[in-house]
Protein backbone atom coordinates (compact mmCIF):
# COMPACT_ATOMS: atom_id res chain seq x y z
CA UNK A 1 -11.43 40.03 22.19
CA UNK A 2 -10.49 41.47 25.54
CA UNK A 3 -6.90 43.42 25.42
CA UNK A 4 -5.36 40.56 27.66
CA UNK A 5 -6.19 37.99 25.41
CA UNK A 6 -5.30 39.63 22.45
CA UNK A 7 -1.95 40.07 24.08
CA UNK A 8 -1.65 36.69 24.85
CA UNK A 9 -2.50 35.37 21.39
CA UNK A 10 -0.24 37.72 19.80
CA UNK A 11 2.91 36.30 22.11
CA UNK A 12 1.63 32.93 21.23
CA UNK A 13 1.71 33.59 17.74
CA UNK A 14 5.06 35.37 17.93
CA UNK A 15 6.49 32.18 20.03
CA UNK A 16 5.17 29.95 17.13
CA UNK A 17 7.15 32.16 14.67
CA UNK A 18 10.36 31.87 16.23
CA UNK A 19 9.91 28.08 16.81
CA UNK A 20 9.46 27.74 13.08
CA UNK A 21 12.27 30.38 12.64
CA UNK A 22 14.76 28.41 14.65
CA UNK A 23 13.98 24.73 13.59
CA UNK A 24 16.72 23.12 12.69
CA UNK A 25 17.31 22.38 8.94
CA UNK A 26 16.26 18.86 8.18
CA UNK A 27 18.35 16.44 5.87
CA UNK A 28 17.26 12.97 4.63
CA UNK A 29 19.59 10.49 3.33
CA UNK A 30 18.52 7.46 1.06
CA UNK A 31 21.14 4.73 -0.05
CA UNK A 32 20.50 3.58 -3.46
CA UNK A 33 21.42 0.38 -5.58
CA UNK A 34 20.82 -2.28 -2.59
CA UNK A 35 20.33 -5.88 -4.00
CA UNK A 36 23.44 -7.25 -5.09
CA UNK A 37 26.15 -7.07 -2.19
CA UNK A 38 24.79 -8.61 0.90
CA UNK A 39 27.75 -7.45 3.42
CA UNK A 40 27.80 -3.66 1.73
CA UNK A 41 24.02 -3.62 2.28
CA UNK A 42 24.17 -4.85 5.79
CA UNK A 43 26.72 -2.36 6.56
CA UNK A 44 24.46 0.37 4.84
CA UNK A 45 21.47 -0.43 6.87
CA UNK A 46 23.37 -0.56 10.22
CA UNK A 47 24.21 3.41 9.46
CA UNK A 48 22.86 5.31 12.59
CA UNK A 49 19.57 7.34 12.01
CA UNK A 50 16.19 6.96 10.07
CA UNK A 51 18.11 6.50 6.68
CA UNK A 52 15.80 4.98 3.79
CA UNK A 53 17.31 2.03 1.51
CA UNK A 54 16.35 1.86 -2.16
CA UNK A 55 16.23 -1.78 -3.14
CA UNK A 56 16.87 -2.70 -6.69
CA UNK A 57 13.99 -5.18 -8.26
CA UNK A 58 14.66 -8.85 -8.71
CA UNK A 59 18.44 -8.80 -7.35
CA UNK A 60 19.89 -11.63 -5.84
CA UNK A 61 20.00 -10.25 -2.12
CA UNK A 62 17.38 -7.51 -2.62
CA UNK A 63 14.13 -9.43 -1.03
CA UNK A 64 16.80 -10.03 2.35
CA UNK A 65 18.13 -6.61 2.69
CA UNK A 66 14.60 -5.32 2.28
CA UNK A 67 13.88 -7.48 5.20
CA UNK A 68 16.68 -6.68 7.19
CA UNK A 69 16.14 -3.04 6.85
CA UNK A 70 12.35 -3.37 7.57
CA UNK A 71 13.06 -5.37 10.82
CA UNK A 72 15.64 -2.41 12.14
CA UNK A 73 12.83 0.17 11.73
CA UNK A 74 14.33 1.74 8.34
CA UNK A 75 12.24 2.71 5.37
CA UNK A 76 12.55 0.66 2.30
CA UNK A 77 11.99 1.73 -1.37
CA UNK A 78 11.53 0.28 -4.57
CA UNK A 79 14.71 1.79 -6.65
CA UNK A 80 12.87 1.23 -9.89
CA UNK A 81 15.10 1.17 -13.25
CA UNK A 82 13.99 3.80 -15.82
CA UNK A 83 15.41 3.83 -19.07
CA UNK A 84 18.23 6.58 -19.51
CA UNK A 85 19.31 8.32 -22.61
CA UNK A 86 22.64 6.22 -22.68
CA UNK A 87 23.44 3.09 -21.23
CA UNK A 88 25.68 0.25 -22.99
CA UNK A 89 25.03 -2.42 -20.06
CA UNK A 90 22.43 -5.73 -20.04
CA UNK A 91 19.13 -4.96 -19.55
CA UNK A 92 18.28 -4.38 -15.95
CA UNK A 93 15.53 -6.58 -14.27
CA UNK A 94 12.49 -4.87 -13.59
CA UNK A 95 13.34 -2.49 -16.00
CA UNK A 96 10.79 0.13 -17.53
CA UNK A 97 11.39 1.32 -21.21
CA UNK A 98 9.84 3.82 -23.52
CA UNK A 99 8.81 1.56 -25.88
CA UNK A 100 6.47 -0.50 -23.63
CA UNK A 101 2.59 -0.59 -23.94
CA UNK A 102 0.48 0.63 -21.15
CA UNK A 103 -0.20 -3.30 -20.57
CA UNK A 104 3.45 -4.26 -20.35
CA UNK A 105 4.34 -1.08 -18.40
CA UNK A 106 1.72 -2.34 -15.65
CA UNK A 107 2.84 -5.91 -15.70
CA UNK A 108 6.67 -4.93 -15.43
CA UNK A 109 5.89 -2.84 -12.76
CA UNK A 110 4.01 -5.07 -10.87
CA UNK A 111 7.01 -7.55 -11.03
CA UNK A 112 9.42 -5.37 -9.73
CA UNK A 113 7.37 -3.97 -6.68
CA UNK A 114 6.40 -7.54 -5.66
CA UNK A 115 10.12 -8.52 -5.58
CA UNK A 116 10.90 -5.88 -2.86
CA UNK A 117 8.97 -6.31 0.58
CA UNK A 118 8.03 -3.50 2.60
CA UNK A 119 8.07 -0.96 0.07
CA UNK A 120 6.61 2.46 1.20
CA UNK A 121 7.61 4.61 -1.94
CA UNK A 122 9.30 4.31 -5.06
CA UNK A 123 12.58 6.01 -6.44
CA UNK A 124 14.04 6.43 -10.01
CA UNK A 125 17.16 4.32 -10.81
CA UNK A 126 18.77 6.02 -13.89
CA UNK A 127 15.96 7.40 -15.95
CA UNK A 128 17.32 10.50 -17.76
CA UNK A 129 15.32 9.53 -20.87
CA UNK A 130 11.99 7.99 -19.19
CA UNK A 131 11.49 10.73 -16.95
CA UNK A 132 11.19 13.57 -19.45
CA UNK A 133 8.23 11.59 -20.86
CA UNK A 134 4.70 12.97 -19.27
CA UNK A 135 2.91 10.06 -20.80
CA UNK A 136 4.87 7.24 -19.25
CA UNK A 137 5.37 9.37 -15.61
CA UNK A 138 1.51 9.44 -15.68
CA UNK A 139 1.46 5.43 -16.02
CA UNK A 140 3.90 5.38 -13.08
CA UNK A 141 2.02 7.53 -10.86
CA UNK A 142 -1.38 5.54 -11.47
CA UNK A 143 0.32 2.89 -10.39
CA UNK A 144 1.65 4.09 -7.16
CA UNK A 145 -1.93 5.53 -6.35
CA UNK A 146 -3.31 2.16 -6.74
CA UNK A 147 -0.71 0.60 -4.09
CA UNK A 148 -1.68 2.68 -1.04
CA UNK A 149 -0.76 5.92 -2.38
CA UNK A 150 3.00 5.38 -2.67
CA UNK A 151 5.57 8.43 -2.81
CA UNK A 152 7.98 8.87 -5.19
CA UNK A 153 11.60 10.12 -5.37
CA UNK A 154 12.97 11.76 -8.43
CA UNK A 155 16.84 10.78 -8.32
CA UNK A 156 16.76 13.58 -10.93
CA UNK A 157 19.48 12.52 -13.50
CA UNK A 158 18.15 15.03 -15.83
CA UNK A 159 16.97 18.77 -15.36
CA UNK A 160 14.54 17.95 -18.01
CA UNK A 161 12.38 15.60 -15.89
CA UNK A 162 8.82 16.30 -15.67
CA UNK A 163 8.28 13.60 -12.96
CA UNK A 164 7.48 16.11 -9.92
CA UNK A 165 5.18 17.76 -12.31
CA UNK A 166 3.25 15.06 -12.99
CA UNK A 167 3.05 13.79 -9.59
CA UNK A 168 1.70 16.90 -8.39
CA UNK A 169 -1.08 16.83 -10.80
CA UNK A 170 -1.62 13.27 -10.00
CA UNK A 171 -2.01 13.93 -6.26
CA UNK A 172 1.25 11.74 -5.23
CA UNK A 173 3.40 12.72 -2.80
CA UNK A 174 6.80 13.31 -4.32
CA UNK A 175 10.16 15.16 -4.03
CA UNK A 176 13.72 15.13 -5.86
CA UNK A 177 17.31 14.44 -4.97
CA UNK A 178 19.00 17.52 -4.01
CA UNK A 179 22.70 16.14 -3.87
CA UNK A 180 24.44 13.00 -4.89
CA UNK A 181 27.18 12.20 -2.31
CA UNK A 182 29.22 9.95 -4.13
CA UNK A 183 29.00 10.82 -8.25
CA UNK A 184 32.73 10.61 -7.55
CA UNK A 185 33.73 7.70 -5.35
CA UNK A 186 36.56 9.36 -3.55
CA UNK A 187 36.66 10.24 0.21
CA UNK A 188 37.17 13.83 -0.44
CA UNK A 189 34.46 14.19 -3.05
CA UNK A 190 32.01 12.39 -0.52
CA UNK A 191 33.06 15.02 2.32
CA UNK A 192 32.62 17.94 -0.11
CA UNK A 193 29.25 16.82 -1.25
CA UNK A 194 28.07 16.24 2.20
CA UNK A 195 29.16 20.01 3.41
CA UNK A 196 26.95 21.01 -0.10
CA UNK A 197 24.03 18.92 1.30
CA UNK A 198 24.21 20.74 4.86
CA UNK A 199 24.57 23.98 3.12
CA UNK A 200 21.48 23.30 0.88
CA UNK A 201 19.96 22.59 4.03
CA UNK A 202 20.69 25.48 6.02
CA UNK A 203 19.68 27.57 2.61
CA UNK A 204 15.97 25.90 1.92
CA UNK A 205 15.09 24.53 5.71
CA UNK A 206 15.74 20.79 4.13
CA UNK A 207 17.43 18.74 1.71
CA UNK A 208 17.84 15.16 0.35
CA UNK A 209 20.80 13.42 -0.15
CA UNK A 210 21.66 10.25 -2.11
CA UNK A 211 24.68 7.67 -1.31
CA UNK A 212 25.40 4.22 -2.49
CA UNK A 213 26.85 1.17 -0.47
CA UNK A 214 30.29 2.18 -1.53
CA UNK A 215 33.26 1.77 1.23
CA UNK A 216 34.21 5.44 0.94
CA UNK A 217 30.54 6.52 1.44
CA UNK A 218 29.70 4.28 4.19
CA UNK A 219 33.05 4.98 6.25
CA UNK A 220 32.25 8.62 5.89
CA UNK A 221 28.67 8.39 7.05
CA UNK A 222 29.33 6.25 9.79
CA UNK A 223 31.52 9.07 11.44
CA UNK A 224 29.29 12.12 10.20
CA UNK A 225 25.75 11.10 10.53
CA UNK A 226 26.09 11.22 14.48
CA UNK A 227 27.61 14.83 14.55
CA UNK A 228 24.59 16.35 12.76
CA UNK A 229 22.47 16.88 15.61
CA UNK A 230 25.13 18.81 17.33
CA UNK A 231 26.04 20.71 14.14
CA UNK A 232 22.48 21.89 14.66
CA UNK A 233 20.68 19.55 12.01
CA UNK A 234 17.82 17.30 12.12
CA UNK A 235 18.10 13.53 10.07
CA UNK A 236 14.68 12.80 9.12
CA UNK A 237 13.11 9.87 7.34
CA UNK A 238 12.17 10.56 3.62
CA UNK A 239 8.70 10.32 4.70
CA UNK A 240 8.89 12.62 7.51
CA UNK A 241 10.20 15.06 5.06
CA UNK A 242 7.66 14.80 2.45
CA UNK A 243 5.00 15.04 5.41
CA UNK A 244 6.78 18.49 6.47
CA UNK A 245 6.84 19.77 2.90
CA UNK A 246 3.33 18.80 2.58
CA UNK A 247 2.26 20.65 5.82
CA UNK A 248 4.19 23.74 4.77
CA UNK A 249 2.46 24.00 1.35
CA UNK A 250 -0.88 23.76 3.15
CA UNK A 251 0.02 26.15 5.74
């Protein structure tokens, strides 16, 4: 290579490195638990930007809300109920349990995903028990691969989850939640957790936040999402974030 060409190549590489270094931190936001309340679901879907909406299976308004989200260009996830360690409520429609056989697992999953149209990925609902079990997680990854390589989002309700490890072994694109925005539904807590989400994005280059269609959460996001770009962040869809992470691993 001539000295001139070498210098030009070095400059180009330097510019690329600087561009990567100054790339804005990426934030992806998922709104969980859609399917029971139509008005709250519609308000959530109207939030600005490329948010994703995780719809519970076999719920009264789930199919309609999935269609509304899709029509507005938003990403739709199946919010699949997985058995938790402790839960005293009634059995959830479409829920996956630890004592299911492989056949029952397959049939239950099929019924769940067929009830929510336009799904491009699956996220876990609860799951502090089931996500600890490699066998059941392997079954789930098999189901995702059989359906046009759906991706998986671990809501990460337990640090003992093996879901991402099993997904990686199976070749399923996957990531986990970094912050629950509204574990405490108060406005002050939502604001505090949103700041933590931004802090993690600055530290790691990207972060995933999960919220719910609660009034305080929606009111806060309606005001704060439009400010993100001026604050130096890039709001991306969850599928874009997964693609970016894959590109970074391969690079």
